[in-house]
């Protein structure tokens, strides 16, 4: 496999080469979608599926999609079963001391109180959560800023909490899982490796460690369990691994498909978060355009088999206009189709795009 084929196949596996995927696919194929910025996550879903926002909200309700800390302990949108899988794989790891803001005893006491209440009620709004802790603990009114997030992370790490996707601003809806019993750590990690390689492969153990955020010492035993199921793939001098057989004909067809596509992805797109070595995606000067110093991952444009630009939006008066900062050629019609899909999902009128000179 050469570098161009690796580029095409990874995008294909992650669903970026389609605009008509089933709605569940973007969530399941890559074990959730990074969603600190929930709108960006939802735009990545819309770009791959063509769904509307009402359809997505209905899907959230029907499938029980949750928004929670998952891979790399960053916020993701994912199924409850996948959240349980991720938390089970991470169960031997401890939250950093810094998360507790110097008030670990208070954090753990609050977590216990919320767990007990959540077991009774099944769900809690932010207002109910706050009222309960104010009534239970005298110190809560003077709590450190962001202590509530430490409470929620403790419960999530124990498998005792899920959160519904945000629908309006900063409102919370906390949910009790159907089961708080975690899976065996090694078995869960092995299954997570299989799922990772299905969505992100070919890749390496080091790539999985980077993507998952799980310590390599916790990963190695599970990797050895999965290794007999894997197929080695050589890309140049590097050995990668895949769990799905790749025929030469399939690889040629996928690489050819990409050469005719202009792909629009939103920020925090999965190819940017799934690997330790990012040189496969773009050379260093291009990566500097996509990765900001404050941790933002900008929205890429891919054409002719390479990253050729990035895009931003400006919204006003129920219209959305796009700005393209490009350094390579792309198909204008296909780009506009992608931007129009974004506008329709956001229920705004498409006002065209401009190119940075």
Protein backbone atom coordinates (compact mmCIF):
# COMPACT_ATOMS: atom_id res chain seq x y z
CA UNK A 1 0.00 0.00 0.00
CA UNK A 2 1.38 3.42 -0.91
CA UNK A 3 0.76 6.71 0.91
CA UNK A 4 -1.99 7.86 -1.47
CA UNK A 5 -3.84 4.57 -1.01
CA UNK A 6 -3.46 4.78 2.78
CA UNK A 7 -4.89 8.31 2.72
CA UNK A 8 -7.88 7.24 0.63
CA UNK A 9 -8.58 4.05 2.57
CA UNK A 10 -8.54 5.72 5.97
CA UNK A 11 -10.97 8.40 4.80
CA UNK A 12 -13.17 5.68 3.30
CA UNK A 13 -13.20 3.66 6.52
CA UNK A 14 -14.19 6.73 8.51
CA UNK A 15 -17.08 7.54 6.19
CA UNK A 16 -15.75 10.75 4.69
CA UNK A 17 -16.18 9.61 1.08
CA UNK A 18 -19.96 9.34 1.31
CA UNK A 19 -22.75 11.87 1.72
CA UNK A 20 -25.57 9.35 2.13
CA UNK A 21 -24.53 7.06 4.98
CA UNK A 22 -27.06 5.61 7.38
CA UNK A 23 -27.48 7.90 10.36
CA UNK A 24 -26.01 5.43 12.85
CA UNK A 25 -22.80 4.95 10.85
CA UNK A 26 -20.86 8.09 11.89
CA UNK A 27 -21.45 7.26 15.56
CA UNK A 28 -20.75 3.53 15.39
CA UNK A 29 -17.94 3.28 12.82
CA UNK A 30 -15.41 5.28 14.85
CA UNK A 31 -16.78 4.66 18.39
CA UNK A 32 -18.29 8.10 18.77
CA UNK A 33 -17.62 11.60 17.46
CA UNK A 34 -15.45 14.14 19.27
CA UNK A 35 -17.82 16.82 20.48
CA UNK A 36 -16.39 19.45 22.78
CA UNK A 37 -17.95 21.61 20.10
CA UNK A 38 -21.23 19.74 19.63
CA UNK A 39 -22.18 21.75 16.56
CA UNK A 40 -18.98 20.69 14.78
CA UNK A 41 -19.68 17.05 15.64
CA UNK A 42 -23.20 17.35 14.28
CA UNK A 43 -21.96 19.00 11.09
CA UNK A 44 -19.63 16.07 10.51
CA UNK A 45 -22.67 13.79 10.84
CA UNK A 46 -24.73 15.95 8.48
CA UNK A 47 -21.96 16.05 5.87
CA UNK A 48 -21.76 12.25 5.81
CA UNK A 49 -25.50 11.55 5.92
CA UNK A 50 -27.44 14.55 4.60
CA UNK A 51 -29.84 14.48 7.58
CA UNK A 52 -31.67 17.50 8.98
CA UNK A 53 -31.34 18.73 12.56
CA UNK A 54 -34.87 17.57 13.55
CA UNK A 55 -34.00 14.11 12.21
CA UNK A 56 -30.80 14.10 14.25
CA UNK A 57 -32.58 15.13 17.46
CA UNK A 58 -35.13 12.37 16.88
CA UNK A 59 -32.25 9.91 16.43
CA UNK A 60 -30.73 11.06 19.73
CA UNK A 61 -33.99 10.30 21.52
CA UNK A 62 -34.67 6.98 19.84
CA UNK A 63 -31.12 5.60 20.10
CA UNK A 64 -30.25 7.11 23.47
CA UNK A 65 -27.13 8.86 22.14
CA UNK A 66 -25.12 10.32 25.02
CA UNK A 67 -22.56 13.11 25.31
CA UNK A 68 -19.73 12.19 27.62
CA UNK A 69 -16.01 11.94 28.28
CA UNK A 70 -14.64 9.06 26.21
CA UNK A 71 -11.53 8.68 24.03
CA UNK A 72 -8.61 10.76 25.37
CA UNK A 73 -11.12 11.73 28.08
CA UNK A 74 -12.55 14.33 25.72
CA UNK A 75 -16.25 14.90 25.12
CA UNK A 76 -17.81 12.62 22.48
CA UNK A 77 -21.26 11.81 21.15
CA UNK A 78 -21.70 8.04 21.22
CA UNK A 79 -24.04 5.15 21.99
CA UNK A 80 -24.51 4.09 25.64
CA UNK A 81 -22.99 0.69 24.82
CA UNK A 82 -19.88 2.31 23.35
CA UNK A 83 -19.52 4.61 26.36
CA UNK A 84 -19.62 1.56 28.63
CA UNK A 85 -16.98 -0.10 26.44
CA UNK A 86 -14.67 2.93 26.63
CA UNK A 87 -15.10 3.44 30.37
CA UNK A 88 -14.53 -0.27 30.99
CA UNK A 89 -11.27 -0.14 29.03
CA UNK A 90 -10.14 2.87 31.09
CA UNK A 91 -11.24 1.58 34.50
CA UNK A 92 -7.72 1.00 35.87
CA UNK A 93 -6.72 4.60 35.29
CA UNK A 94 -7.14 7.41 37.81
CA UNK A 95 -8.29 10.92 37.11
CA UNK A 96 -5.42 13.41 37.51
CA UNK A 97 -5.19 15.17 40.88
CA UNK A 98 -5.59 18.51 39.13
CA UNK A 99 -9.15 17.57 38.13
CA UNK A 100 -10.20 17.75 41.78
CA UNK A 101 -9.22 21.42 42.19
CA UNK A 102 -7.79 20.79 45.64
CA UNK A 103 -11.17 19.59 46.91
CA UNK A 104 -11.12 15.84 46.28
CA UNK A 105 -13.00 14.98 49.48
CA UNK A 106 -15.82 17.34 48.53
CA UNK A 107 -15.87 16.09 44.94
CA UNK A 108 -16.18 12.46 45.99
CA UNK A 109 -18.84 13.25 48.60
CA UNK A 110 -20.87 15.14 46.00
CA UNK A 111 -20.44 12.29 43.51
CA UNK A 112 -21.78 9.80 46.04
CA UNK A 113 -24.78 12.03 46.78
CA UNK A 114 -25.63 12.49 43.10
CA UNK A 115 -25.18 8.78 42.40
CA UNK A 116 -27.66 7.90 45.15
CA UNK A 117 -30.19 10.46 43.89
CA UNK A 118 -29.75 9.42 40.26
CA UNK A 119 -30.41 5.79 41.15
CA UNK A 120 -33.77 6.92 42.55
CA UNK A 121 -34.81 9.37 39.83
CA UNK A 122 -33.12 7.99 36.69
CA UNK A 123 -32.44 11.50 35.40
CA UNK A 124 -31.54 14.94 36.75
CA UNK A 125 -31.65 18.41 35.26
CA UNK A 126 -28.89 20.86 36.10
CA UNK A 127 -31.28 22.76 38.36
CA UNK A 128 -32.19 19.60 40.28
CA UNK A 129 -28.52 18.61 40.56
CA UNK A 130 -27.57 22.03 41.94
CA UNK A 131 -30.51 22.20 44.35
CA UNK A 132 -29.71 18.77 45.79
CA UNK A 133 -26.06 19.57 46.44
CA UNK A 134 -26.91 22.98 47.91
CA UNK A 135 -29.34 21.32 50.31
CA UNK A 136 -26.88 18.55 51.22
CA UNK A 137 -23.55 20.37 51.63
CA UNK A 138 -22.93 23.73 53.31
CA UNK A 139 -19.69 24.16 51.35
CA UNK A 140 -21.33 23.78 47.93
CA UNK A 141 -22.36 27.43 47.53
CA UNK A 142 -18.69 28.48 47.82
CA UNK A 143 -17.37 25.63 45.67
CA UNK A 144 -14.39 26.16 43.34
CA UNK A 145 -15.23 27.11 39.77
CA UNK A 146 -15.73 24.00 37.61
CA UNK A 147 -15.98 21.64 40.60
CA UNK A 148 -19.22 20.30 39.11
CA UNK A 149 -17.32 18.96 36.11
CA UNK A 150 -15.03 17.04 38.45
CA UNK A 151 -18.10 15.48 40.08
CA UNK A 152 -19.49 14.45 36.70
CA UNK A 153 -16.16 13.04 35.54
CA UNK A 154 -15.80 10.92 38.68
CA UNK A 155 -19.24 9.42 38.11
CA UNK A 156 -18.56 8.87 34.41
CA UNK A 157 -15.25 7.12 35.14
CA UNK A 158 -17.12 4.78 37.50
CA UNK A 159 -19.69 3.92 34.82
CA UNK A 160 -22.46 5.55 36.87
CA UNK A 161 -23.35 8.53 34.70
CA UNK A 162 -24.36 9.41 31.17
CA UNK A 163 -25.35 12.83 29.81
CA UNK A 164 -27.84 13.63 27.09
CA UNK A 165 -26.60 15.70 24.13
CA UNK A 166 -26.99 19.42 24.70
CA UNK A 167 -30.05 20.89 23.02
CA UNK A 168 -30.04 24.39 24.50
CA UNK A 169 -26.94 26.12 25.76
CA UNK A 170 -25.47 24.94 29.04
CA UNK A 171 -28.42 22.85 30.26
CA UNK A 172 -27.53 19.41 31.57
CA UNK A 173 -29.61 16.30 31.57
CA UNK A 174 -27.87 13.64 33.64
CA UNK A 175 -28.92 10.03 33.08
CA UNK A 176 -28.48 6.83 35.06
CA UNK A 177 -27.05 4.06 32.83
CA UNK A 178 -29.11 0.93 32.27
CA UNK A 179 -26.27 -0.88 34.05
CA UNK A 180 -23.32 0.52 35.99
CA UNK A 181 -21.46 -2.80 35.95
CA UNK A 182 -18.29 -2.46 33.92
CA UNK A 183 -16.89 -5.05 31.51
CA UNK A 184 -13.60 -6.84 32.12
CA UNK A 185 -10.82 -4.33 31.44
CA UNK A 186 -8.71 -6.48 29.12
CA UNK A 187 -11.71 -7.83 27.21
CA UNK A 188 -13.08 -4.30 26.79
CA UNK A 189 -9.71 -2.99 25.60
CA UNK A 190 -9.39 -5.85 23.11
CA UNK A 191 -12.83 -5.08 21.68
CA UNK A 192 -12.00 -1.38 21.56
CA UNK A 193 -8.84 -2.22 19.58
CA UNK A 194 -10.94 -4.21 17.09
CA UNK A 195 -13.40 -1.34 16.74
CA UNK A 196 -10.58 1.17 16.34
CA UNK A 197 -8.87 -0.81 13.59
CA UNK A 198 -12.19 -1.31 11.81
CA UNK A 199 -12.74 2.45 11.66
CA UNK A 200 -9.21 3.84 11.57
CA UNK A 201 -7.03 1.02 10.25
CA UNK A 202 -4.52 0.30 8.96
CA UNK A 203 -2.83 1.67 12.07
CA UNK A 204 -0.37 0.81 14.84
CA UNK A 205 -0.52 0.08 18.55
CA UNK A 206 0.94 3.54 19.15
CA UNK A 207 -1.87 5.08 17.08
CA UNK A 208 -4.46 3.28 19.22
CA UNK A 209 -2.79 4.49 22.41
CA UNK A 210 -2.87 8.07 21.12
CA UNK A 211 -6.50 7.84 20.00
CA UNK A 212 -7.81 6.15 23.12
CA UNK A 213 -5.68 7.91 25.70
CA UNK A 214 -5.21 4.60 27.54
CA UNK A 215 -1.72 3.92 28.89
CA UNK A 216 0.32 1.57 26.75
CA UNK A 217 0.89 -0.72 29.75
CA UNK A 218 -2.87 -1.28 29.89
CA UNK A 219 -3.10 -1.77 26.11
CA UNK A 220 -0.28 -4.22 25.39
CA UNK A 221 -1.88 -7.36 26.95
CA UNK A 222 -5.11 -6.74 25.01
CA UNK A 223 -3.17 -6.04 21.80
CA UNK A 224 -1.51 -9.45 22.11
CA UNK A 225 -4.96 -11.04 22.40
CA UNK A 226 -6.13 -9.35 19.20
CA UNK A 227 -2.89 -9.71 17.23
CA UNK A 228 -3.68 -13.18 15.75
CA UNK A 229 -6.81 -11.64 14.17
CA UNK A 230 -4.86 -8.88 12.41
CA UNK A 231 -3.31 -8.60 8.96
CA UNK A 232 -0.04 -6.68 8.51
CA UNK A 233 0.05 -3.92 5.91
CA UNK A 234 3.33 -2.39 4.77
CA UNK A 235 3.32 1.30 3.85
CA UNK A 236 6.83 2.17 2.79
CA UNK A 237 9.05 0.83 5.57
CA UNK A 238 6.33 0.97 8.25
CA UNK A 239 4.22 -2.00 9.31
CA UNK A 240 0.60 -1.17 10.08
CA UNK A 241 -2.24 -3.50 11.03
CA UNK A 242 -5.78 -3.99 9.81
CA UNK A 243 -8.61 -6.17 11.01
CA UNK A 244 -10.49 -5.99 7.70
CA UNK A 245 -8.95 -7.73 4.65
CA UNK A 246 -8.21 -5.24 1.87
CA UNK A 247 -8.22 -6.49 -1.71
CA UNK A 248 -6.09 -4.81 -4.36
CA UNK A 249 -9.20 -4.15 -6.43
CA UNK A 250 -11.02 -2.50 -3.55
CA UNK A 251 -8.02 -0.34 -2.74
CA UNK A 252 -7.66 0.81 -6.35
CA UNK A 253 -11.36 1.66 -6.57
CA UNK A 254 -11.31 3.69 -3.34
CA UNK A 255 -8.17 5.61 -4.31
CA UNK A 256 -9.69 6.36 -7.73
CA UNK A 257 -12.94 7.51 -6.11
CA UNK A 258 -11.11 10.03 -3.95
CA UNK A 259 -9.30 11.57 -6.92
CA UNK A 260 -12.70 12.68 -8.27
CA UNK A 261 -14.05 14.06 -4.99
CA UNK A 262 -13.89 17.35 -3.16
CA UNK A 263 -14.56 16.41 0.46
CA UNK A 264 -15.85 18.92 3.00
CA UNK A 265 -15.40 18.01 6.67
CA UNK A 266 -16.14 20.03 9.79
CA UNK A 267 -13.66 20.87 12.53
CA UNK A 268 -12.40 18.10 14.83
CA UNK A 269 -12.90 15.63 11.98
CA UNK A 270 -11.87 12.06 12.84
CA UNK A 271 -8.77 11.86 10.57
CA UNK A 272 -7.28 14.66 12.67
CA UNK A 273 -7.77 12.90 16.01
CA UNK A 274 -7.18 9.22 15.27
CA UNK A 275 -3.41 8.81 14.95
CA UNK A 276 -0.09 9.50 16.62
CA UNK A 277 1.70 10.21 13.34
CA UNK A 278 -0.26 12.80 11.35
CA UNK A 279 2.14 13.05 8.41
CA UNK A 280 -0.10 10.66 6.43
CA UNK A 281 -2.82 13.34 6.42
CA UNK A 282 -0.78 16.36 5.40
CA UNK A 283 2.80 17.70 5.39
CA UNK A 284 3.92 19.87 8.31
CA UNK A 285 3.21 23.28 6.67
CA UNK A 286 -0.38 22.20 5.99
CA UNK A 287 -0.82 20.75 9.48
CA UNK A 288 0.17 24.12 10.89
CA UNK A 289 -2.80 25.57 9.01
CA UNK A 290 -5.19 23.01 10.51
CA UNK A 291 -3.98 22.66 14.12
CA UNK A 292 -4.16 25.90 16.11
CA UNK A 293 -1.92 26.60 19.10
CA UNK A 294 -4.92 26.66 21.45
CA UNK A 295 -6.08 23.18 20.49
CA UNK A 296 -8.66 23.92 17.82
CA UNK A 297 -8.77 21.55 14.85
CA UNK A 298 -9.95 23.50 11.83
CA UNK A 299 -12.36 22.31 9.16
CA UNK A 300 -10.48 20.77 6.19
CA UNK A 301 -11.19 20.63 2.47
CA UNK A 302 -9.80 17.61 0.61
CA UNK A 303 -9.50 17.39 -3.18
CA UNK A 304 -7.38 15.44 -5.65
CA UNK A 305 -6.35 13.14 -2.83
CA UNK A 306 -4.80 15.81 -0.56
CA UNK A 307 -5.83 18.51 1.92
CA UNK A 308 -6.19 21.68 -0.14
CA UNK A 309 -7.76 24.17 2.26
CA UNK A 310 -9.82 25.01 5.32
CA UNK A 311 -13.10 26.81 5.81
CA UNK A 312 -14.96 28.98 8.30
CA UNK A 313 -18.44 30.49 8.45
CA UNK A 314 -20.11 33.78 9.23
CA UNK A 315 -23.76 33.78 10.28
CA UNK A 316 -26.12 36.75 10.25
CA UNK A 317 -29.73 37.55 9.41
CA UNK A 318 -30.62 33.87 9.00
CA UNK A 319 -27.90 33.47 6.38
CA UNK A 320 -24.59 31.61 6.43
CA UNK A 321 -21.60 32.61 4.31
CA UNK A 322 -18.43 30.57 3.98
CA UNK A 323 -14.82 31.69 3.73
CA UNK A 324 -12.26 29.38 2.12
CA UNK A 325 -8.54 29.61 2.74
CA UNK A 326 -7.18 27.35 0.01
CA UNK A 327 -3.76 26.33 -1.24
CA UNK A 328 -4.79 23.79 -3.88
CA UNK A 329 -7.37 23.18 -6.60
CA UNK A 330 -10.86 21.85 -5.82
CA UNK A 331 -14.19 21.29 -7.56
CA UNK A 332 -16.29 24.40 -6.89
CA UNK A 333 -19.61 22.64 -7.50
CA UNK A 334 -18.82 19.83 -5.07
CA UNK A 335 -17.59 22.34 -2.50
CA UNK A 336 -20.83 24.29 -2.77
CA UNK A 337 -22.82 21.09 -2.37
CA UNK A 338 -21.03 20.47 0.91
CA UNK A 339 -21.57 24.03 2.12
CA UNK A 340 -25.23 23.89 1.11
CA UNK A 341 -25.60 20.72 3.19
CA UNK A 342 -24.18 22.57 6.19
CA UNK A 343 -26.59 25.48 5.62
CA UNK A 344 -29.60 23.18 5.35
CA UNK A 345 -28.66 21.34 8.54
CA UNK A 346 -28.34 24.65 10.41
CA UNK A 347 -31.64 25.79 8.85
CA UNK A 348 -30.03 28.88 7.35
CA UNK A 349 -29.99 30.32 3.84
CA UNK A 350 -26.80 29.62 1.92
CA UNK A 351 -25.08 32.90 1.00
CA UNK A 352 -22.18 31.49 -1.02
CA UNK A 353 -18.47 31.41 -0.32
CA UNK A 354 -15.47 33.64 -0.83
CA UNK A 355 -11.85 32.62 -1.32
CA UNK A 356 -9.00 34.23 0.58
CA UNK A 357 -6.63 35.96 -1.81
